[in-house]
Amino acid sequence: MLARHSSVFLLTVGLIVVTSGLFFAFDCPFLAHNLTMAIPIIAGILFFFVISCLLQTSFRDPGILPRATPSEAADLEKWIDNLGTSTYRPPARTMEVVINKYMVKLKYCYTCKMFRPPRTSHCSVCDNCVERFDHHCPWVGNCVGKRNYRFFYAFILSLSFLTAFIFACVITHLALRSQGNDFLTVLKTTPASLLELVICFFSVWSIFGLSGFHTYLIASNLTTNEDLKGAWSNKRGSEFANPYSYKSVLTNCCAVLCGPFYPSLIDRRGFIQADAGTPSTPKSEIPSFGTKSDASMEDACQDFAISCTA
């Protein structure tokens, strides 16, 4: 799942582990002895929660859609060619479906050889179509999509609390040690605390900002991809209003964070089966256009459009 950014993912893990390790080794003993044992306990809970959410985000399938098999792609190409009205103008590679009374245009993916379902986009880094594509995050080394977005949000939110907690505890540690002593002398005797302070100071602002931005997206039921492209208007009754919003902040949050866990459509343990001398991927569970032998391509597309309105 780590695509091409495994080194950046290792950097993320290293920063978290090193900073937290220095805090547990050099600050926690002093704070636990002079203040309370609750400080290392809270820091430990936050640390394990952050690492757990990071690993879930990085190694979970974000919602990759399997590519069409050669036979499915050929049938779909034939159906698209039949839509052409002339010999010199190629037919449009788009489909229109109605979702909550709003018209949504589905684009054709030339790499995966299929029409992308709503909110699906092709990641240029992973080279896959991902359902409810939010963005590709190099810090976690994976796409953020339909199946791992809640873990990504939990990761950045818990990391914000952990960074702020370590930052506050380190300042408290240095303040207690500097009572009756020169502050510069204290810094020289605790260089690890100074390193933690610098890392937390420069990271806490970006992490808190990212957490706030994604809180806004969840409350609006938007993705980063849709927000940056300005796909939907915030005006009520607008022709381009967000068709996926429930017009309620609480309902949007519940839909994004508390919705069902969707099964993965890829088989990472399977083998590619040869089909008439041409390697092909296992058939996906998503609506495809080449698997209905008793129906025309037009009926298959209509069925797919109806399923998108659900």
Protein backbone atom coordinates (compact mmCIF):
# COMPACT_ATOMS: atom_id res chain seq x y z
CA MET A 1 0.00 0.00 0.00
CA LEU A 2 2.99 2.31 0.46
CA ALA A 3 3.25 3.30 -3.23
CA ARG A 4 6.42 5.32 -3.92
CA HIS A 5 6.72 7.18 -0.62
CA SER A 6 7.93 4.56 1.82
CA SER A 7 10.88 6.75 2.81
CA VAL A 8 8.57 9.63 3.81
CA PHE A 9 6.40 7.19 5.76
CA LEU A 10 9.49 5.97 7.63
CA LEU A 11 10.37 9.61 8.35
CA THR A 12 6.92 10.11 9.88
CA VAL A 13 7.27 7.03 12.07
CA GLY A 14 10.81 8.05 13.04
CA LEU A 15 9.80 11.57 14.10
CA ILE A 16 6.94 10.27 16.24
CA VAL A 17 8.93 7.44 17.83
CA VAL A 18 12.11 9.49 18.46
CA THR A 19 10.28 12.49 19.91
CA SER A 20 8.07 10.33 22.12
CA GLY A 21 11.02 8.14 23.14
CA LEU A 22 13.06 11.15 24.25
CA PHE A 23 10.06 12.44 26.20
CA PHE A 24 9.56 9.11 28.00
CA ALA A 25 13.29 8.79 28.73
CA PHE A 26 14.23 12.31 29.87
CA ASP A 27 11.06 14.22 30.84
CA CYS A 28 8.58 11.69 32.17
CA PRO A 29 10.69 10.46 35.13
CA PHE A 30 11.14 14.03 36.45
CA LEU A 31 7.48 15.00 35.88
CA ALA A 32 6.14 11.77 37.35
CA HIS A 33 8.28 12.23 40.49
CA ASN A 34 7.54 15.92 40.99
CA LEU A 35 3.98 16.22 39.64
CA THR A 36 1.90 13.12 38.91
CA MET A 37 2.10 9.63 37.41
CA ALA A 38 -0.81 10.55 35.13
CA ILE A 39 1.58 12.32 32.73
CA PRO A 40 3.41 9.20 31.42
CA ILE A 41 0.14 7.23 31.41
CA ILE A 42 -1.66 9.83 29.25
CA ALA A 43 1.36 10.16 26.96
CA GLY A 44 1.56 6.37 26.56
CA ILE A 45 -2.13 6.07 25.64
CA LEU A 46 -1.85 8.87 23.09
CA PHE A 47 1.34 7.40 21.61
CA PHE A 48 -0.11 3.93 21.04
CA PHE A 49 -3.33 5.40 19.62
CA VAL A 50 -1.35 7.57 17.17
CA ILE A 51 0.81 4.65 15.98
CA SER A 52 -2.23 2.38 15.64
CA CYS A 53 -4.14 4.91 13.52
CA LEU A 54 -1.05 5.61 11.40
CA LEU A 55 -0.54 1.92 10.60
CA GLN A 56 -4.25 1.48 9.83
CA THR A 57 -4.10 4.43 7.44
CA SER A 58 -0.91 3.33 5.72
CA PHE A 59 -1.54 -0.39 5.27
CA ARG A 60 -5.30 -0.45 4.72
CA ASP A 61 -6.73 -0.54 1.21
CA PRO A 62 -8.07 3.03 0.73
CA GLY A 63 -10.78 1.87 -1.67
CA ILE A 64 -8.93 0.82 -4.82
CA LEU A 65 -11.13 -0.22 -7.73
CA PRO A 66 -9.78 -3.15 -9.77
CA ARG A 67 -9.16 -2.37 -13.41
CA ALA A 68 -11.41 -3.78 -16.08
CA THR A 69 -10.45 -7.11 -17.59
CA PRO A 70 -9.53 -7.11 -21.31
CA SER A 71 -12.95 -8.53 -22.23
CA GLU A 72 -14.78 -5.95 -20.11
CA ALA A 73 -12.71 -3.12 -21.56
CA ALA A 74 -13.35 -4.35 -25.12
CA ASP A 75 -17.11 -4.54 -24.56
CA LEU A 76 -17.17 -1.08 -23.05
CA GLU A 77 -15.12 0.38 -25.92
CA LYS A 78 -17.55 -1.19 -28.39
CA TRP A 79 -20.51 0.30 -26.53
CA ILE A 80 -18.88 3.76 -26.47
CA ASP A 81 -18.08 3.59 -30.19
CA ASN A 82 -21.73 2.83 -30.93
CA LEU A 83 -22.68 6.13 -29.29
CA GLY A 84 -20.81 8.14 -31.93
CA THR A 85 -23.01 10.09 -34.32
CA SER A 86 -20.36 10.61 -37.01
CA THR A 87 -17.20 9.07 -38.32
CA TYR A 88 -14.94 12.03 -37.52
CA ARG A 89 -16.10 13.05 -34.05
CA PRO A 90 -15.32 10.65 -31.18
CA PRO A 91 -18.16 10.00 -28.72
CA ALA A 92 -18.09 11.67 -25.30
CA ARG A 93 -16.33 9.73 -22.57
CA THR A 94 -18.71 10.83 -19.82
CA MET A 95 -21.92 9.62 -18.23
CA GLU A 96 -24.50 11.62 -16.28
CA VAL A 97 -26.35 10.27 -13.25
CA VAL A 98 -28.75 11.93 -10.84
CA ILE A 99 -27.81 11.90 -7.14
CA ASN A 100 -30.22 13.56 -4.70
CA LYS A 101 -31.80 15.52 -7.56
CA TYR A 102 -28.42 16.85 -8.73
CA MET A 103 -26.77 15.90 -12.00
CA VAL A 104 -23.33 14.34 -11.48
CA LYS A 105 -20.98 13.63 -14.38
CA LEU A 106 -18.95 10.40 -14.38
CA LYS A 107 -15.64 10.50 -16.21
CA TYR A 108 -14.00 7.67 -18.10
CA CYS A 109 -10.63 6.48 -16.83
CA TYR A 110 -8.34 5.65 -19.75
CA THR A 111 -5.95 3.75 -17.46
CA CYS A 112 -8.45 1.55 -15.63
CA LYS A 113 -10.74 1.29 -18.70
CA MET A 114 -13.98 2.09 -16.88
CA PHE A 115 -16.31 4.90 -15.91
CA ARG A 116 -15.35 6.15 -12.47
CA PRO A 117 -18.11 5.91 -9.86
CA PRO A 118 -19.12 9.14 -8.11
CA ARG A 119 -16.37 10.77 -6.00
CA THR A 120 -13.77 8.42 -7.48
CA SER A 121 -10.51 9.78 -8.85
CA HIS A 122 -7.37 8.27 -10.32
CA CYS A 123 -4.29 8.78 -8.14
CA SER A 124 -1.26 9.66 -10.25
CA VAL A 125 1.12 8.35 -7.56
CA CYS A 126 -0.53 5.00 -6.82
CA ASP A 127 -1.82 4.68 -10.41
CA ASN A 128 -5.19 3.39 -9.19
CA CYS A 129 -8.75 4.63 -9.10
CA VAL A 130 -9.75 5.18 -5.46
CA GLU A 131 -13.33 5.47 -4.20
CA ARG A 132 -14.16 8.71 -2.38
CA PHE A 133 -10.66 9.89 -3.15
CA ASP A 134 -9.55 12.57 -0.70
CA HIS A 135 -5.85 13.00 -1.48
CA HIS A 136 -2.57 11.13 -1.60
CA CYS A 137 -0.67 11.73 1.62
CA PRO A 138 3.10 11.14 1.33
CA TRP A 139 3.46 11.31 5.12
CA VAL A 140 1.45 8.11 5.52
CA GLY A 141 2.63 6.71 2.17
CA ASN A 142 -0.87 5.88 0.94
CA CYS A 143 -3.98 7.34 -0.60
CA VAL A 144 -6.69 8.56 1.75
CA GLY A 145 -10.06 7.35 0.54
CA LYS A 146 -13.28 5.60 1.37
CA ARG A 147 -11.86 2.79 3.51
CA ASN A 148 -9.18 4.58 5.55
CA TYR A 149 -10.31 8.21 5.86
CA ARG A 150 -11.64 7.83 9.41
CA PHE A 151 -8.30 6.35 10.50
CA PHE A 152 -6.44 9.22 8.84
CA TYR A 153 -8.61 11.77 10.66
CA ALA A 154 -8.13 9.95 13.97
CA PHE A 155 -4.38 9.90 13.31
CA ILE A 156 -3.96 13.65 12.71
CA LEU A 157 -6.36 14.53 15.54
CA SER A 158 -4.62 12.31 18.09
CA LEU A 159 -1.21 13.46 16.83
CA SER A 160 -2.31 17.05 17.49
CA PHE A 161 -3.13 16.20 21.10
CA LEU A 162 0.12 14.22 21.54
CA THR A 163 2.27 17.02 20.11
CA ALA A 164 0.56 19.69 22.22
CA PHE A 165 0.79 17.49 25.32
CA ILE A 166 4.52 16.83 24.88
CA PHE A 167 5.15 20.52 24.13
CA ALA A 168 3.35 21.63 27.31
CA CYS A 169 5.04 18.98 29.45
CA VAL A 170 8.52 19.86 28.17
CA ILE A 171 7.95 23.55 28.95
CA THR A 172 6.75 22.57 32.42
CA HIS A 173 9.82 20.39 32.91
CA LEU A 174 12.19 23.18 31.90
CA ALA A 175 10.32 25.73 34.04
CA LEU A 176 10.55 23.54 37.15
CA ARG A 177 14.25 22.85 36.62
CA SER A 178 15.05 26.52 36.02
CA GLN A 179 13.72 27.60 39.42
CA GLY A 180 16.75 29.03 41.14
CA ASN A 181 18.98 28.12 38.18
CA ASP A 182 20.01 29.82 34.99
CA PHE A 183 17.71 28.84 32.09
CA LEU A 184 20.58 28.43 29.61
CA THR A 185 22.37 26.15 32.04
CA VAL A 186 19.24 24.02 32.30
CA LEU A 187 19.03 23.76 28.52
CA LYS A 188 22.63 22.60 28.32
CA THR A 189 21.98 19.86 30.88
CA THR A 190 18.82 18.67 29.06
CA PRO A 191 19.55 18.85 25.30
CA ALA A 192 16.93 16.15 24.60
CA SER A 193 14.17 18.39 25.96
CA LEU A 194 15.37 21.22 23.74
CA LEU A 195 15.20 18.94 20.69
CA GLU A 196 11.66 17.86 21.60
CA LEU A 197 10.67 21.49 22.07
CA VAL A 198 11.94 22.47 18.61
CA ILE A 199 10.26 19.52 16.84
CA CYS A 200 6.92 20.06 18.59
CA PHE A 201 6.98 23.82 18.07
CA PHE A 202 7.44 23.60 14.30
CA SER A 203 5.02 20.69 13.80
CA VAL A 204 2.13 21.57 16.10
CA TRP A 205 0.91 24.47 13.94
CA SER A 206 0.69 22.48 10.72
CA ILE A 207 -0.89 19.47 12.45
CA PHE A 208 -3.53 21.58 14.19
CA GLY A 209 -4.25 23.40 10.93
CA LEU A 210 -4.64 20.10 9.06
CA SER A 211 -6.94 18.77 11.78
CA GLY A 212 -9.09 21.89 11.60
CA PHE A 213 -9.29 21.72 7.80
CA HIS A 214 -10.43 18.09 7.81
CA THR A 215 -12.93 18.83 10.58
CA TYR A 216 -14.47 21.40 8.23
CA LEU A 217 -14.49 18.85 5.39
CA ILE A 218 -16.21 16.23 7.55
CA ALA A 219 -18.82 18.73 8.73
CA SER A 220 -19.54 19.60 5.09
CA ASN A 221 -19.21 16.01 3.77
CA LEU A 222 -16.55 17.10 1.29
CA THR A 223 -13.23 15.66 0.23
CA THR A 224 -9.97 17.54 -0.15
CA ASN A 225 -10.07 16.85 -3.89
CA GLU A 226 -13.57 18.35 -4.20
CA ASP A 227 -12.74 21.36 -2.02
CA LEU A 228 -9.56 22.26 -3.91
CA LYS A 229 -11.27 21.91 -7.27
CA GLY A 230 -14.34 23.84 -6.10
CA ALA A 231 -16.59 21.08 -7.37
CA TRP A 232 -19.62 22.11 -5.34
CA SER A 233 -21.14 25.42 -4.36
CA ASN A 234 -22.03 26.25 -0.74
CA LYS A 235 -25.18 28.11 -1.81
CA ARG A 236 -28.40 26.31 -1.04
CA GLY A 237 -30.51 25.57 -4.06
CA SER A 238 -27.55 26.05 -6.37
CA GLU A 239 -27.35 23.84 -9.43
CA PHE A 240 -23.88 22.75 -8.32
CA ALA A 241 -24.59 22.26 -4.60
CA ASN A 242 -22.98 19.31 -2.86
CA PRO A 243 -25.33 16.35 -3.51
CA TYR A 244 -23.68 14.25 -0.78
CA SER A 245 -24.29 16.67 2.09
CA TYR A 246 -27.14 15.90 4.49
CA LYS A 247 -27.54 19.63 5.28
CA SER A 248 -26.65 18.89 8.91
CA VAL A 249 -23.22 19.04 10.53
CA LEU A 250 -24.02 16.21 12.96
CA THR A 251 -25.43 13.95 10.24
CA ASN A 252 -22.46 14.62 7.96
CA CYS A 253 -20.03 13.76 10.76
CA CYS A 254 -21.89 10.54 11.54
CA ALA A 255 -22.01 9.58 7.87
CA VAL A 256 -18.27 10.07 7.36
CA LEU A 257 -16.91 8.79 10.68
CA CYS A 258 -19.52 6.26 11.79
CA GLY A 259 -20.61 4.72 8.50
CA PRO A 260 -20.24 1.03 7.69
CA PHE A 261 -16.88 -0.56 6.88
CA TYR A 262 -16.91 -1.43 3.20
CA PRO A 263 -15.16 -4.61 2.07
CA SER A 264 -12.05 -4.36 -0.07
CA LEU A 265 -12.57 -5.01 -3.78
CA ILE A 266 -9.01 -6.18 -4.39
CA ASP A 267 -7.54 -9.58 -3.61
CA ARG A 268 -3.99 -8.95 -2.43
CA ARG A 269 -3.36 -12.66 -1.84
CA GLY A 270 -4.72 -13.83 -5.17
CA PHE A 271 -2.86 -14.72 -8.35
CA ILE A 272 -3.36 -13.19 -11.79
CA GLN A 273 -5.05 -15.76 -14.00
CA ALA A 274 -4.11 -16.04 -17.68
CA ASP A 275 -7.03 -15.53 -20.05
CA ALA A 276 -6.32 -16.72 -23.60
CA GLY A 277 -2.68 -15.81 -23.28
CA THR A 278 -3.39 -12.36 -21.84
CA PRO A 279 -2.89 -11.72 -18.11
CA SER A 280 -5.99 -10.34 -16.45
CA THR A 281 -6.96 -9.28 -12.98
CA PRO A 282 -9.64 -11.05 -10.94
CA LYS A 283 -13.12 -9.75 -11.63
CA SER A 284 -14.17 -7.01 -9.27
CA GLU A 285 -17.34 -6.83 -7.25
CA ILE A 286 -18.23 -3.40 -8.59
CA PRO A 287 -20.76 -2.94 -11.41
CA SER A 288 -18.90 -3.72 -14.63
CA PHE A 289 -19.95 -3.56 -18.24
CA GLY A 290 -18.49 -6.78 -19.54
CA THR A 291 -20.07 -9.35 -17.25
CA LYS A 292 -23.71 -9.32 -18.38
CA SER A 293 -24.09 -11.77 -21.21
CA ASP A 294 -27.88 -11.64 -21.26
CA ALA A 295 -28.23 -7.86 -21.35
CA SER A 296 -27.13 -5.17 -23.73
CA MET A 297 -24.47 -2.63 -22.88
CA GLU A 298 -27.11 0.07 -22.66
CA ASP A 299 -29.02 -1.85 -20.00
CA ALA A 300 -25.81 -2.43 -18.07
CA CYS A 301 -25.04 1.28 -18.05
CA GLN A 302 -28.57 2.12 -16.94
CA ASP A 303 -28.24 -0.34 -14.06
CA PHE A 304 -24.96 1.25 -13.07
CA ALA A 305 -26.50 4.73 -13.17
CA ILE A 306 -29.38 3.60 -10.97
CA SER A 307 -26.97 2.08 -8.44
CA CYS A 308 -25.09 5.39 -8.23
CA THR A 309 -28.26 7.21 -7.12
CA ALA A 310 -28.59 5.09 -4.00
